[in-house]
Amino acid sequence: MSSKNETPVLIASLLITVGLLGGGFWWLTQSGRLGTGALPGIGNPSSPSPPSPTPAGGGDRFASVQGVPSGLFNYGGSTTWAPIRGQIDPVIQQASPAFQLRYTDPIGVPPASGTGIAMLLNNQLSFAQSSRSLKPEERTQAEQQGYTLKEISVALEGLAIAVNLDLPVEGLTLDQLREIYLGNVRNWQEVGGPDLAIVRISRPVSGGTVEFFVSTVLGGAGLPNDVTIANTTTEALRLVDATPGAIYYASAPEVVGQCTIKPIAIGQSANQLVKPYVEPYVPPENCPAQRNQINGEALRSGAYPLTRRLFVIVREDGTPDQQAGEAYANFLLTQEGQGLLNTAGFVAIR
C-alpha cells in the first residue's frame, strides 16, 4: 500500500486511541478509582493542607507536639525526677532529635528542687524540674530580674516511708510519723513495734521532698539536729538496709520497687492505713524478678495521704529557653507522656 493510502488509516487509529484514553480517565474519576487531589509526595499549591493544631499538652503522641525548638538545652533540679530523666527523656529525644537535653548538676551542693530553681534564676538552666510549688521569694527574685516564673503541673507523686525488712511494723499514722521525726518517739515499742531504737534518716533540707515532708508532716517544724542526713536516696536506702531500727522517706517510685527495704502503710488514723503499693505485697525473695508497684489509684483518689504534684518550672522571658521548657512540659502532657509517667511510677493527671 502506498504512503498516501496509509495516512487516513493512521489518523483514524490515533483518534480512536485518544477517545479510548479519555473515556477511561472519565470512568476512573467518576467511579472514585482515581483521586482528584495531588499525587503522593507532591504538594498542591492551590489547596494547602490545614495546619496541625498545636497541643498545649494533652495531644496524642510526642510527634504531635508543635513549637519544639532546636538546640542544646540544660535542665536539672529535683532528684524525684530521676526515673523520668532515665526512662522518658530519651524517648522524647528520639521523637525530636533536634531537641537536645543535657542534665546539669549543681556545683558544690546536692541536686534538688530548690537548687534547680536557683540555677534557673541564675541563667544556668533552660528550665527546671521541681517536686514542689514555687516559693514567693523565688517569684519575687524573677520579677526583680524582669520576668516571671511559671510552674506547669505534669503528674502526681507520693512519698513512701521505708523501714528495714526485718522490722515487724506494717504502718504508721501521720501523728506517729511526725512524733518520730520530731524526736518525741524514740523506740519502736512506742508505736507497736519491738524494743528497738528508732534511727531517723533524711536528705538535706534543700530538697523539695524534704521541704514537703517538713511542711506537710512536721507542720513546719524543722528537722532536729540529731536526724541522720544522707546526701542521696541511694545512700539513705543502704543505711536503712544496714540498720534494723532505721526509717526514711522519699519519692514513692524510688522506694516502692526496692528489694532491700520495706515500704509501710500510712494513714490519718490507725484504721485508715493505706499501702503505697498494689497488693498483694511482693516479698523480697521474689525481687528483682517481681517488684512491688505503685498504688496509683490510692494516690489519684487521695486515699493515700502523702501526695503532691510535679512541676516543670519555666522562665517566661520570650527566649528559646522558655520555648524549650514549655515544649518539654507539653511532651509530658501528651497521652504518650502521661502513659510513660504511669509506667515510671508516677500518676497521670490527664
C-alpha atoms as a PDB file:
ATOM      1  CA  MET A   1       0.000   0.000   0.000  1.00  0.00           C
ATOM      2  CA  SER A   2       1.369   3.496  -0.769  1.00  0.00           C
ATOM      3  CA  SER A   3       2.034   6.074   1.964  1.00  0.00           C
ATOM      4  CA  LYS A   4      -0.780   8.202   0.520  1.00  0.00           C
ATOM      5  CA  ASN A   5      -3.330   5.477   1.281  1.00  0.00           C
ATOM      6  CA  GLU A   6      -1.845   4.819   4.804  1.00  0.00           C
ATOM      7  CA  THR A   7      -2.416   8.367   6.099  1.00  0.00           C
ATOM      8  CA  PRO A   8      -6.243   8.168   6.640  1.00  0.00           C
ATOM      9  CA  VAL A   9      -5.826   4.854   8.440  1.00  0.00           C
ATOM     10  CA  LEU A  10      -3.171   6.277  10.833  1.00  0.00           C
ATOM     11  CA  ILE A  11      -5.298   9.346  11.616  1.00  0.00           C
ATOM     12  CA  ALA A  12      -8.324   7.205  12.363  1.00  0.00           C
ATOM     13  CA  SER A  13      -6.289   4.925  14.666  1.00  0.00           C
ATOM     14  CA  LEU A  14      -4.931   7.930  16.563  1.00  0.00           C
ATOM     15  CA  LEU A  15      -8.414   9.383  17.074  1.00  0.00           C
ATOM     16  CA  ILE A  16      -9.741   6.052  18.356  1.00  0.00           C
ATOM     17  CA  THR A  17      -6.809   5.748  20.817  1.00  0.00           C
ATOM     18  CA  VAL A  18      -7.328   9.273  22.187  1.00  0.00           C
ATOM     19  CA  GLY A  19     -11.033   8.588  22.572  1.00  0.00           C
ATOM     20  CA  LEU A  20     -10.446   5.371  24.477  1.00  0.00           C
ATOM     21  CA  LEU A  21      -7.904   7.029  26.843  1.00  0.00           C
ATOM     22  CA  GLY A  22     -10.210   9.957  27.522  1.00  0.00           C
ATOM     23  CA  GLY A  23     -13.170   7.706  28.189  1.00  0.00           C
ATOM     24  CA  GLY A  24     -11.092   5.525  30.512  1.00  0.00           C
ATOM     25  CA  PHE A  25      -9.911   8.528  32.510  1.00  0.00           C
ATOM     26  CA  TRP A  26     -13.503   9.822  32.808  1.00  0.00           C
ATOM     27  CA  TRP A  27     -14.694   6.385  34.045  1.00  0.00           C
ATOM     28  CA  LEU A  28     -11.905   6.150  36.649  1.00  0.00           C
ATOM     29  CA  THR A  29     -12.552   9.612  38.118  1.00  0.00           C
ATOM     30  CA  GLN A  30     -16.305   9.199  38.141  1.00  0.00           C
ATOM     31  CA  SER A  31     -16.147   5.797  39.843  1.00  0.00           C
ATOM     32  CA  GLY A  32     -13.773   7.028  42.542  1.00  0.00           C
ATOM     33  CA  ARG A  33     -10.959   4.719  41.412  1.00  0.00           C
ATOM     34  CA  LEU A  34      -8.617   7.672  40.812  1.00  0.00           C
ATOM     35  CA  GLY A  35      -8.335  10.513  43.336  1.00  0.00           C
ATOM     36  CA  THR A  36      -8.601  14.078  42.149  1.00  0.00           C
ATOM     37  CA  GLY A  37      -6.072  15.557  44.607  1.00  0.00           C
ATOM     38  CA  ALA A  38      -2.305  15.918  44.280  1.00  0.00           C
ATOM     39  CA  LEU A  39      -0.199  12.828  43.750  1.00  0.00           C
ATOM     40  CA  PRO A  40       1.540  11.405  46.843  1.00  0.00           C
ATOM     41  CA  GLY A  41       4.623  13.430  47.719  1.00  0.00           C
ATOM     42  CA  ILE A  42       3.657  16.376  45.511  1.00  0.00           C
ATOM     43  CA  GLY A  43       2.042  19.396  47.118  1.00  0.00           C
ATOM     44  CA  ASN A  44      -0.986  21.154  45.655  1.00  0.00           C
ATOM     45  CA  PRO A  45      -0.366  24.912  45.891  1.00  0.00           C
ATOM     46  CA  SER A  46      -3.989  25.800  45.227  1.00  0.00           C
ATOM     47  CA  SER A  47      -5.277  23.559  48.059  1.00  0.00           C
ATOM     48  CA  PRO A  48      -2.864  23.741  51.044  1.00  0.00           C
ATOM     49  CA  SER A  49      -3.397  21.270  53.880  1.00  0.00           C
ATOM     50  CA  PRO A  50      -4.715  22.863  57.073  1.00  0.00           C
ATOM     51  CA  PRO A  51      -2.023  23.295  59.754  1.00  0.00           C
ATOM     52  CA  SER A  52      -1.927  20.712  62.536  1.00  0.00           C
ATOM     53  CA  PRO A  53      -3.289  22.029  65.835  1.00  0.00           C
ATOM     54  CA  THR A  54      -0.680  22.859  68.445  1.00  0.00           C
ATOM     55  CA  PRO A  55      -1.465  20.985  71.640  1.00  0.00           C
ATOM     56  CA  ALA A  56      -0.887  22.835  74.905  1.00  0.00           C
ATOM     57  CA  GLY A  57      -0.214  19.393  76.286  1.00  0.00           C
ATOM     58  CA  GLY A  58      -2.798  16.667  76.086  1.00  0.00           C
ATOM     59  CA  GLY A  59      -2.125  15.619  72.480  1.00  0.00           C
ATOM     60  CA  ASP A  60      -1.803  12.008  71.461  1.00  0.00           C
ATOM     61  CA  ARG A  61       1.839  11.250  70.661  1.00  0.00           C
ATOM     62  CA  PHE A  62       5.166  13.016  71.138  1.00  0.00           C
ATOM     63  CA  ALA A  63       5.191  13.646  67.384  1.00  0.00           C
ATOM     64  CA  SER A  64       2.050  15.812  67.773  1.00  0.00           C
ATOM     65  CA  VAL A  65       3.809  18.459  69.886  1.00  0.00           C
ATOM     66  CA  GLN A  66       4.449  21.637  67.908  1.00  0.00           C
ATOM     67  CA  GLY A  67       6.793  24.547  68.537  1.00  0.00           C
ATOM     68  CA  VAL A  68       9.715  22.386  69.690  1.00  0.00           C
ATOM     69  CA  PRO A  69      12.949  24.406  69.420  1.00  0.00           C
ATOM     70  CA  SER A  70      16.211  23.068  68.048  1.00  0.00           C
ATOM     71  CA  GLY A  71      19.407  23.211  70.054  1.00  0.00           C
ATOM     72  CA  LEU A  72      21.034  22.045  73.273  1.00  0.00           C
ATOM     73  CA  PHE A  73      19.109  22.890  76.458  1.00  0.00           C
ATOM     74  CA  ASN A  74      20.396  22.398  80.009  1.00  0.00           C
ATOM     75  CA  TYR A  75      17.907  21.249  82.605  1.00  0.00           C
ATOM     76  CA  GLY A  76      18.004  19.858  86.142  1.00  0.00           C
ATOM     77  CA  GLY A  77      16.552  20.037  89.617  1.00  0.00           C
ATOM     78  CA  SER A  78      14.603  17.546  91.711  1.00  0.00           C
ATOM     79  CA  THR A  79      16.027  14.060  92.304  1.00  0.00           C
ATOM     80  CA  THR A  80      12.414  12.827  92.354  1.00  0.00           C
ATOM     81  CA  TRP A  81      12.530  13.296  88.579  1.00  0.00           C
ATOM     82  CA  ALA A  82      15.387  10.778  88.181  1.00  0.00           C
ATOM     83  CA  PRO A  83      13.110   7.989  86.817  1.00  0.00           C
ATOM     84  CA  ILE A  84      11.646  10.448  84.297  1.00  0.00           C
ATOM     85  CA  ARG A  85      15.076  11.550  83.146  1.00  0.00           C
ATOM     86  CA  GLY A  86      16.183   7.954  82.811  1.00  0.00           C
ATOM     87  CA  GLN A  87      13.116   6.390  81.202  1.00  0.00           C
ATOM     88  CA  ILE A  88      11.118   9.105  79.428  1.00  0.00           C
ATOM     89  CA  ASP A  89      13.507  11.848  78.333  1.00  0.00           C
ATOM     90  CA  PRO A  90      15.423   9.523  75.948  1.00  0.00           C
ATOM     91  CA  VAL A  91      12.099   8.693  74.241  1.00  0.00           C
ATOM     92  CA  ILE A  92      11.375  12.417  73.854  1.00  0.00           C
ATOM     93  CA  GLN A  93      14.784  12.976  72.283  1.00  0.00           C
ATOM     94  CA  GLN A  94      14.262  10.040  69.930  1.00  0.00           C
ATOM     95  CA  ALA A  95      10.972  11.585  68.786  1.00  0.00           C
ATOM     96  CA  SER A  96      12.559  15.025  68.358  1.00  0.00           C
ATOM     97  CA  PRO A  97      16.321  14.603  67.735  1.00  0.00           C
ATOM     98  CA  ALA A  98      16.990  18.317  67.242  1.00  0.00           C
ATOM     99  CA  PHE A  99      15.653  18.990  70.762  1.00  0.00           C
ATOM    100  CA  GLN A 100      18.749  18.048  72.766  1.00  0.00           C
ATOM    101  CA  LEU A 101      18.552  17.814  76.563  1.00  0.00           C
ATOM    102  CA  ARG A 102      21.538  17.853  78.902  1.00  0.00           C
ATOM    103  CA  TYR A 103      21.088  17.208  82.619  1.00  0.00           C
ATOM    104  CA  THR A 104      23.204  19.606  84.673  1.00  0.00           C
ATOM    105  CA  ASP A 105      24.203  19.056  88.305  1.00  0.00           C
ATOM    106  CA  PRO A 106      24.705  21.990  90.668  1.00  0.00           C
ATOM    107  CA  ILE A 107      28.239  22.707  91.835  1.00  0.00           C
ATOM    108  CA  GLY A 108      29.072  22.089  95.475  1.00  0.00           C
ATOM    109  CA  VAL A 109      25.537  21.246  96.652  1.00  0.00           C
ATOM    110  CA  PRO A 110      23.260  18.221  96.188  1.00  0.00           C
ATOM    111  CA  PRO A 111      20.719  18.358  93.330  1.00  0.00           C
ATOM    112  CA  ALA A 112      17.221  19.272  94.481  1.00  0.00           C
ATOM    113  CA  SER A 113      14.155  21.274  93.511  1.00  0.00           C
ATOM    114  CA  GLY A 114      15.437  24.393  95.258  1.00  0.00           C
ATOM    115  CA  THR A 115      18.894  24.243  93.727  1.00  0.00           C
ATOM    116  CA  GLY A 116      17.391  23.652  90.278  1.00  0.00           C
ATOM    117  CA  ILE A 117      15.150  26.709  90.588  1.00  0.00           C
ATOM    118  CA  ALA A 118      18.141  28.748  91.846  1.00  0.00           C
ATOM    119  CA  MET A 119      20.150  27.645  88.799  1.00  0.00           C
ATOM    120  CA  LEU A 120      17.245  28.657  86.551  1.00  0.00           C
ATOM    121  CA  LEU A 121      17.164  32.090  88.189  1.00  0.00           C
ATOM    122  CA  ASN A 122      20.935  32.347  87.692  1.00  0.00           C
ATOM    123  CA  ASN A 123      20.562  31.546  83.971  1.00  0.00           C
ATOM    124  CA  GLN A 124      22.374  28.208  84.334  1.00  0.00           C
ATOM    125  CA  LEU A 125      19.392  26.139  83.165  1.00  0.00           C
ATOM    126  CA  SER A 126      16.858  26.469  80.373  1.00  0.00           C
ATOM    127  CA  PHE A 127      14.129  25.037  82.638  1.00  0.00           C
ATOM    128  CA  ALA A 128      13.931  23.230  85.976  1.00  0.00           C
ATOM    129  CA  GLN A 129      12.204  20.115  87.285  1.00  0.00           C
ATOM    130  CA  SER A 130      10.579  20.503  90.704  1.00  0.00           C
ATOM    131  CA  SER A 131       8.719  18.339  93.193  1.00  0.00           C
ATOM    132  CA  ARG A 132       7.265  21.388  94.929  1.00  0.00           C
ATOM    133  CA  SER A 133       5.499  24.591  94.030  1.00  0.00           C
ATOM    134  CA  LEU A 134       7.340  27.880  93.640  1.00  0.00           C
ATOM    135  CA  LYS A 135       8.039  29.930  96.755  1.00  0.00           C
ATOM    136  CA  PRO A 136       7.031  33.626  96.958  1.00  0.00           C
ATOM    137  CA  GLU A 137      10.676  34.700  97.252  1.00  0.00           C
ATOM    138  CA  GLU A 138      11.551  32.809  94.058  1.00  0.00           C
ATOM    139  CA  ARG A 139       8.757  34.558  92.179  1.00  0.00           C
ATOM    140  CA  THR A 140       9.930  37.899  93.587  1.00  0.00           C
ATOM    141  CA  GLN A 141      13.528  37.302  92.502  1.00  0.00           C
ATOM    142  CA  ALA A 142      12.339  36.546  88.970  1.00  0.00           C
ATOM    143  CA  GLU A 143      10.255  39.728  88.859  1.00  0.00           C
ATOM    144  CA  GLN A 144      13.261  41.743  90.030  1.00  0.00           C
ATOM    145  CA  GLN A 145      15.155  40.335  87.049  1.00  0.00           C
ATOM    146  CA  GLY A 146      12.432  41.401  84.637  1.00  0.00           C
ATOM    147  CA  TYR A 147      10.471  38.202  84.012  1.00  0.00           C
ATOM    148  CA  THR A 148       8.082  35.784  85.723  1.00  0.00           C
ATOM    149  CA  LEU A 149       8.384  32.108  86.608  1.00  0.00           C
ATOM    150  CA  LYS A 150       5.666  29.679  85.551  1.00  0.00           C
ATOM    151  CA  GLU A 151       5.047  26.233  87.037  1.00  0.00           C
ATOM    152  CA  ILE A 152       3.393  23.606  84.825  1.00  0.00           C
ATOM    153  CA  SER A 153       1.961  20.568  86.625  1.00  0.00           C
ATOM    154  CA  VAL A 154       2.577  17.303  84.767  1.00  0.00           C
ATOM    155  CA  ALA A 155       1.999  14.421  87.236  1.00  0.00           C
ATOM    156  CA  LEU A 156       1.095  13.327  90.752  1.00  0.00           C
ATOM    157  CA  GLU A 157       3.568  11.587  93.019  1.00  0.00           C
ATOM    158  CA  GLY A 158       3.579  10.188  96.526  1.00  0.00           C
ATOM    159  CA  LEU A 159       6.055   9.945  99.376  1.00  0.00           C
ATOM    160  CA  ALA A 160       6.756   6.476 100.728  1.00  0.00           C
ATOM    161  CA  ILE A 161       8.131   5.518 104.131  1.00  0.00           C
ATOM    162  CA  ALA A 162      10.917   2.913 104.116  1.00  0.00           C
ATOM    163  CA  VAL A 163      11.972   0.713 107.036  1.00  0.00           C
ATOM    164  CA  ASN A 164      14.267  -2.277 107.480  1.00  0.00           C
ATOM    165  CA  LEU A 165      12.969  -5.533 106.028  1.00  0.00           C
ATOM    166  CA  ASP A 166      13.109  -7.256 109.416  1.00  0.00           C
ATOM    167  CA  LEU A 167      11.159  -4.580 111.303  1.00  0.00           C
ATOM    168  CA  PRO A 168       7.716  -6.020 112.260  1.00  0.00           C
ATOM    169  CA  VAL A 169       5.825  -2.731 111.753  1.00  0.00           C
ATOM    170  CA  GLU A 170       3.292  -2.574 108.922  1.00  0.00           C
ATOM    171  CA  GLY A 171       2.184   1.045 109.160  1.00  0.00           C
ATOM    172  CA  LEU A 172       2.146   4.382 110.980  1.00  0.00           C
ATOM    173  CA  THR A 173      -0.321   7.216 111.381  1.00  0.00           C
ATOM    174  CA  LEU A 174       0.757  10.680 110.313  1.00  0.00           C
ATOM    175  CA  ASP A 175       0.829  11.689 114.002  1.00  0.00           C
ATOM    176  CA  GLN A 176       3.152   8.812 114.831  1.00  0.00           C
ATOM    177  CA  LEU A 177       5.384   9.655 111.875  1.00  0.00           C
ATOM    178  CA  ARG A 178       5.560  13.289 112.988  1.00  0.00           C
ATOM    179  CA  GLU A 179       6.380  12.376 116.607  1.00  0.00           C
ATOM    180  CA  ILE A 180       9.119  10.011 115.415  1.00  0.00           C
ATOM    181  CA  TYR A 181      10.843  12.633 113.274  1.00  0.00           C
ATOM    182  CA  LEU A 182      10.486  15.349 115.900  1.00  0.00           C
ATOM    183  CA  GLY A 183      12.249  13.028 118.342  1.00  0.00           C
ATOM    184  CA  ASN A 184       9.307  12.640 120.734  1.00  0.00           C
ATOM    185  CA  VAL A 185       9.044   8.900 119.955  1.00  0.00           C
ATOM    186  CA  ARG A 186      12.438   7.199 120.007  1.00  0.00           C
ATOM    187  CA  ASN A 187      11.676   3.493 120.339  1.00  0.00           C
ATOM    188  CA  TRP A 188       9.624   1.311 118.007  1.00  0.00           C
ATOM    189  CA  GLN A 189       7.946  -0.209 121.052  1.00  0.00           C
ATOM    190  CA  GLU A 190       6.033   3.074 121.496  1.00  0.00           C
ATOM    191  CA  VAL A 191       4.230   2.549 118.164  1.00  0.00           C
ATOM    192  CA  GLY A 192       3.539  -1.182 118.417  1.00  0.00           C
ATOM    193  CA  GLY A 193       6.932  -2.489 117.295  1.00  0.00           C
ATOM    194  CA  PRO A 194       9.813  -4.240 119.036  1.00  0.00           C
ATOM    195  CA  ASP A 195      12.043  -2.792 121.755  1.00  0.00           C
ATOM    196  CA  LEU A 196      14.402  -1.173 119.292  1.00  0.00           C
ATOM    197  CA  ALA A 197      15.808   2.336 118.976  1.00  0.00           C
ATOM    198  CA  ILE A 198      14.498   4.374 116.048  1.00  0.00           C
ATOM    199  CA  VAL A 199      17.129   5.778 113.669  1.00  0.00           C
ATOM    200  CA  ARG A 200      15.665   8.690 111.671  1.00  0.00           C
ATOM    201  CA  ILE A 201      17.183   9.366 108.251  1.00  0.00           C
ATOM    202  CA  SER A 202      16.571  12.314 105.920  1.00  0.00           C
ATOM    203  CA  ARG A 203      18.136  14.044 102.970  1.00  0.00           C
ATOM    204  CA  PRO A 204      19.363  17.659 103.310  1.00  0.00           C
ATOM    205  CA  VAL A 205      16.704  20.315 103.792  1.00  0.00           C
ATOM    206  CA  SER A 206      17.295  21.970 100.385  1.00  0.00           C
ATOM    207  CA  GLY A 207      15.349  19.246  98.564  1.00  0.00           C
ATOM    208  CA  GLY A 208      11.709  19.613  97.551  1.00  0.00           C
ATOM    209  CA  THR A 209      10.904  16.238  99.102  1.00  0.00           C
ATOM    210  CA  VAL A 210      12.289  17.319 102.464  1.00  0.00           C
ATOM    211  CA  GLU A 211      10.509  20.672 102.292  1.00  0.00           C
ATOM    212  CA  PHE A 212       7.237  18.913 101.501  1.00  0.00           C
ATOM    213  CA  PHE A 213       7.753  16.473 104.383  1.00  0.00           C
ATOM    214  CA  VAL A 214       8.621  19.268 106.824  1.00  0.00           C
ATOM    215  CA  SER A 215       5.610  21.378 105.868  1.00  0.00           C
ATOM    216  CA  THR A 216       3.080  18.538 105.480  1.00  0.00           C
ATOM    217  CA  VAL A 217       4.098  16.036 108.144  1.00  0.00           C
ATOM    218  CA  LEU A 218       6.026  18.148 110.659  1.00  0.00           C
ATOM    219  CA  GLY A 219       3.715  21.148 110.390  1.00  0.00           C
ATOM    220  CA  GLY A 220       6.589  23.464 109.525  1.00  0.00           C
ATOM    221  CA  ALA A 221       8.792  22.467 112.448  1.00  0.00           C
ATOM    222  CA  GLY A 222      12.396  21.981 111.391  1.00  0.00           C
ATOM    223  CA  LEU A 223      14.202  18.668 111.418  1.00  0.00           C
ATOM    224  CA  PRO A 224      16.027  18.119 114.739  1.00  0.00           C
ATOM    225  CA  ASN A 225      19.809  18.226 114.619  1.00  0.00           C
ATOM    226  CA  ASP A 226      20.158  14.585 115.611  1.00  0.00           C
ATOM    227  CA  VAL A 227      18.445  13.262 112.461  1.00  0.00           C
ATOM    228  CA  THR A 228      20.931  11.311 110.323  1.00  0.00           C
ATOM    229  CA  ILE A 229      21.497  13.095 106.999  1.00  0.00           C
ATOM    230  CA  ALA A 230      22.170  11.155 103.785  1.00  0.00           C
ATOM    231  CA  ASN A 231      23.140  13.101 100.667  1.00  0.00           C
ATOM    232  CA  THR A 232      21.220  10.812  98.294  1.00  0.00           C
ATOM    233  CA  THR A 233      18.320   8.385  98.426  1.00  0.00           C
ATOM    234  CA  THR A 234      20.682   5.583  97.378  1.00  0.00           C
ATOM    235  CA  GLU A 235      22.855   6.292 100.410  1.00  0.00           C
ATOM    236  CA  ALA A 236      19.803   6.523 102.663  1.00  0.00           C
ATOM    237  CA  LEU A 237      18.324   3.212 101.487  1.00  0.00           C
ATOM    238  CA  ARG A 238      21.649   1.480 102.113  1.00  0.00           C
ATOM    239  CA  LEU A 239      21.561   2.821 105.666  1.00  0.00           C
ATOM    240  CA  VAL A 240      18.009   1.520 106.138  1.00  0.00           C
ATOM    241  CA  ASP A 241      19.086  -1.892 104.858  1.00  0.00           C
ATOM    242  CA  ALA A 242      22.033  -1.979 107.281  1.00  0.00           C
ATOM    243  CA  THR A 243      20.229  -0.517 110.325  1.00  0.00           C
ATOM    244  CA  PRO A 244      17.436  -2.603 111.972  1.00  0.00           C
ATOM    245  CA  GLY A 245      15.670   0.412 113.522  1.00  0.00           C
ATOM    246  CA  ALA A 246      16.003   2.834 110.591  1.00  0.00           C
ATOM    247  CA  ILE A 247      13.240   4.844 108.928  1.00  0.00           C
ATOM    248  CA  TYR A 248      13.422   7.060 105.830  1.00  0.00           C
ATOM    249  CA  TYR A 249      11.050   8.906 103.488  1.00  0.00           C
ATOM    250  CA  ALA A 250      11.444   9.533  99.752  1.00  0.00           C
ATOM    251  CA  SER A 251       9.614   9.667  96.457  1.00  0.00           C
ATOM    252  CA  ALA A 252       7.453   6.546  96.089  1.00  0.00           C
ATOM    253  CA  PRO A 253       8.995   5.461  92.746  1.00  0.00           C
ATOM    254  CA  GLU A 254      12.395   5.455  94.484  1.00  0.00           C
ATOM    255  CA  VAL A 255      11.159   3.292  97.364  1.00  0.00           C
ATOM    256  CA  VAL A 256       8.269   1.001  96.472  1.00  0.00           C
ATOM    257  CA  GLY A 257      10.085  -1.216  93.969  1.00  0.00           C
ATOM    258  CA  GLN A 258      13.251  -1.691  96.048  1.00  0.00           C
ATOM    259  CA  CYS A 259      14.332  -5.194  97.078  1.00  0.00           C
ATOM    260  CA  THR A 260      16.329  -4.366 100.229  1.00  0.00           C
ATOM    261  CA  ILE A 261      13.848  -2.282 102.254  1.00  0.00           C
ATOM    262  CA  LYS A 262      10.138  -2.407 103.101  1.00  0.00           C
ATOM    263  CA  PRO A 263       7.600   0.348 102.299  1.00  0.00           C
ATOM    264  CA  ILE A 264       4.948   0.673 105.009  1.00  0.00           C
ATOM    265  CA  ALA A 265       1.372   1.935 105.090  1.00  0.00           C
ATOM    266  CA  ILE A 266       0.483   5.492 106.176  1.00  0.00           C
ATOM    267  CA  GLY A 267      -2.838   6.944 107.238  1.00  0.00           C
ATOM    268  CA  GLN A 268      -4.658   9.703 109.056  1.00  0.00           C
ATOM    269  CA  SER A 269      -5.620   7.203 111.760  1.00  0.00           C
ATOM    270  CA  ALA A 270      -4.797   3.617 112.743  1.00  0.00           C
ATOM    271  CA  ASN A 271      -7.907   2.274 110.977  1.00  0.00           C
ATOM    272  CA  GLN A 272      -7.185   4.227 107.772  1.00  0.00           C
ATOM    273  CA  LEU A 273      -3.717   2.961 106.913  1.00  0.00           C
ATOM    274  CA  VAL A 274      -3.124   2.843 103.143  1.00  0.00           C
ATOM    275  CA  LYS A 275      -0.248   0.983 101.495  1.00  0.00           C
ATOM    276  CA  PRO A 276       1.768   2.826  98.816  1.00  0.00           C
ATOM    277  CA  TYR A 277       1.968  -0.355  96.734  1.00  0.00           C
ATOM    278  CA  VAL A 278      -0.560  -2.565  94.965  1.00  0.00           C
ATOM    279  CA  GLU A 279      -1.441  -5.676  96.949  1.00  0.00           C
ATOM    280  CA  PRO A 280      -0.548  -8.465  97.251  1.00  0.00           C
ATOM    281  CA  TYR A 281       2.848  -7.468  98.628  1.00  0.00           C
ATOM    282  CA  VAL A 282       5.807  -8.920  96.702  1.00  0.00           C
ATOM    283  CA  PRO A 283       8.219 -10.396  99.285  1.00  0.00           C
ATOM    284  CA  PRO A 284      11.947  -9.644  98.956  1.00  0.00           C
ATOM    285  CA  GLU A 285      12.772 -13.218  97.982  1.00  0.00           C
ATOM    286  CA  ASN A 286      10.783 -12.696  94.749  1.00  0.00           C
ATOM    287  CA  CYS A 287      12.671  -9.491  93.923  1.00  0.00           C
ATOM    288  CA  PRO A 288      14.018  -8.385  91.440  1.00  0.00           C
ATOM    289  CA  ALA A 289      12.177 -10.831  89.158  1.00  0.00           C
ATOM    290  CA  GLN A 290       8.997  -9.292  90.603  1.00  0.00           C
ATOM    291  CA  ARG A 291       8.738  -5.869  92.179  1.00  0.00           C
ATOM    292  CA  ASN A 292       6.054  -4.036  94.102  1.00  0.00           C
ATOM    293  CA  GLN A 293       4.130  -1.484  92.029  1.00  0.00           C
ATOM    294  CA  ILE A 294       2.889   1.986  92.945  1.00  0.00           C
ATOM    295  CA  ASN A 295      -0.698   2.144  94.240  1.00  0.00           C
ATOM    296  CA  GLY A 296      -1.667   4.735  91.650  1.00  0.00           C
ATOM    297  CA  GLU A 297      -5.377   4.581  92.411  1.00  0.00           C
ATOM    298  CA  ALA A 298      -4.793   5.442  96.074  1.00  0.00           C
ATOM    299  CA  LEU A 299      -2.619   8.388  95.069  1.00  0.00           C
ATOM    300  CA  ARG A 300      -5.101   9.592  92.452  1.00  0.00           C
ATOM    301  CA  SER A 301      -8.103   9.353  94.777  1.00  0.00           C
ATOM    302  CA  GLY A 302      -6.353  10.994  97.727  1.00  0.00           C
ATOM    303  CA  ALA A 303      -6.793   7.912  99.931  1.00  0.00           C
ATOM    304  CA  TYR A 304      -3.024   7.828 100.360  1.00  0.00           C
ATOM    305  CA  PRO A 305      -2.275  10.962 102.397  1.00  0.00           C
ATOM    306  CA  LEU A 306       1.247  11.886 101.254  1.00  0.00           C
ATOM    307  CA  THR A 307       0.755  13.038  97.660  1.00  0.00           C
ATOM    308  CA  ARG A 308       1.984  16.059  95.715  1.00  0.00           C
ATOM    309  CA  ARG A 309       2.396  17.419  92.185  1.00  0.00           C
ATOM    310  CA  LEU A 310       5.440  17.538  89.938  1.00  0.00           C
ATOM    311  CA  PHE A 311       6.174  20.770  88.052  1.00  0.00           C
ATOM    312  CA  VAL A 312       8.200  21.956  85.099  1.00  0.00           C
ATOM    313  CA  ILE A 313       9.456  25.440  86.025  1.00  0.00           C
ATOM    314  CA  VAL A 314       9.726  27.823  83.073  1.00  0.00           C
ATOM    315  CA  ARG A 315      11.260  31.293  82.841  1.00  0.00           C
ATOM    316  CA  GLU A 316       8.798  33.496  80.908  1.00  0.00           C
ATOM    317  CA  ASP A 317      11.306  35.732  79.154  1.00  0.00           C
ATOM    318  CA  GLY A 318      10.482  35.222  75.471  1.00  0.00           C
ATOM    319  CA  THR A 319      13.690  33.289  74.760  1.00  0.00           C
ATOM    320  CA  PRO A 320      14.227  29.824  73.228  1.00  0.00           C
ATOM    321  CA  ASP A 321      14.695  28.601  76.814  1.00  0.00           C
ATOM    322  CA  GLN A 322      11.054  29.427  77.562  1.00  0.00           C
ATOM    323  CA  GLN A 323      10.034  27.633  74.369  1.00  0.00           C
ATOM    324  CA  ALA A 324      12.121  24.604  75.424  1.00  0.00           C
ATOM    325  CA  GLY A 325      10.537  24.410  78.885  1.00  0.00           C
ATOM    326  CA  GLU A 326       7.011  24.705  77.529  1.00  0.00           C
ATOM    327  CA  ALA A 327       7.683  22.114  74.828  1.00  0.00           C
ATOM    328  CA  TYR A 328       9.119  19.713  77.412  1.00  0.00           C
ATOM    329  CA  ALA A 329       6.015  20.075  79.587  1.00  0.00           C
ATOM    330  CA  ASN A 330       3.812  19.560  76.519  1.00  0.00           C
ATOM    331  CA  PHE A 331       5.634  16.310  75.713  1.00  0.00           C
ATOM    332  CA  LEU A 332       4.854  15.009  79.212  1.00  0.00           C
ATOM    333  CA  LEU A 333       1.225  16.108  78.952  1.00  0.00           C
ATOM    334  CA  THR A 334       0.521  14.142  75.775  1.00  0.00           C
ATOM    335  CA  GLN A 335      -1.249  10.815  76.130  1.00  0.00           C
ATOM    336  CA  GLU A 336       2.056   9.109  75.339  1.00  0.00           C
ATOM    337  CA  GLY A 337       3.869  11.105  78.018  1.00  0.00           C
ATOM    338  CA  GLN A 338       1.194  10.507  80.647  1.00  0.00           C
ATOM    339  CA  GLY A 339       1.270   6.781  79.922  1.00  0.00           C
ATOM    340  CA  LEU A 340       5.058   6.691  80.316  1.00  0.00           C
ATOM    341  CA  LEU A 341       4.781   8.623  83.591  1.00  0.00           C
ATOM    342  CA  ASN A 342       2.404   5.936  84.873  1.00  0.00           C
ATOM    343  CA  THR A 343       4.896   3.261  83.828  1.00  0.00           C
ATOM    344  CA  ALA A 344       7.686   5.102  85.656  1.00  0.00           C
ATOM    345  CA  GLY A 345       5.719   5.017  88.913  1.00  0.00           C
ATOM    346  CA  PHE A 346       4.023   8.410  88.843  1.00  0.00           C
ATOM    347  CA  VAL A 347       0.322   9.177  88.419  1.00  0.00           C
ATOM    348  CA  ALA A 348      -1.056  10.800  85.271  1.00  0.00           C
ATOM    349  CA  ILE A 349      -3.140  13.942  85.697  1.00  0.00           C
ATOM    350  CA  ARG A 350      -4.827  13.619  82.262  1.00  0.00           C
END
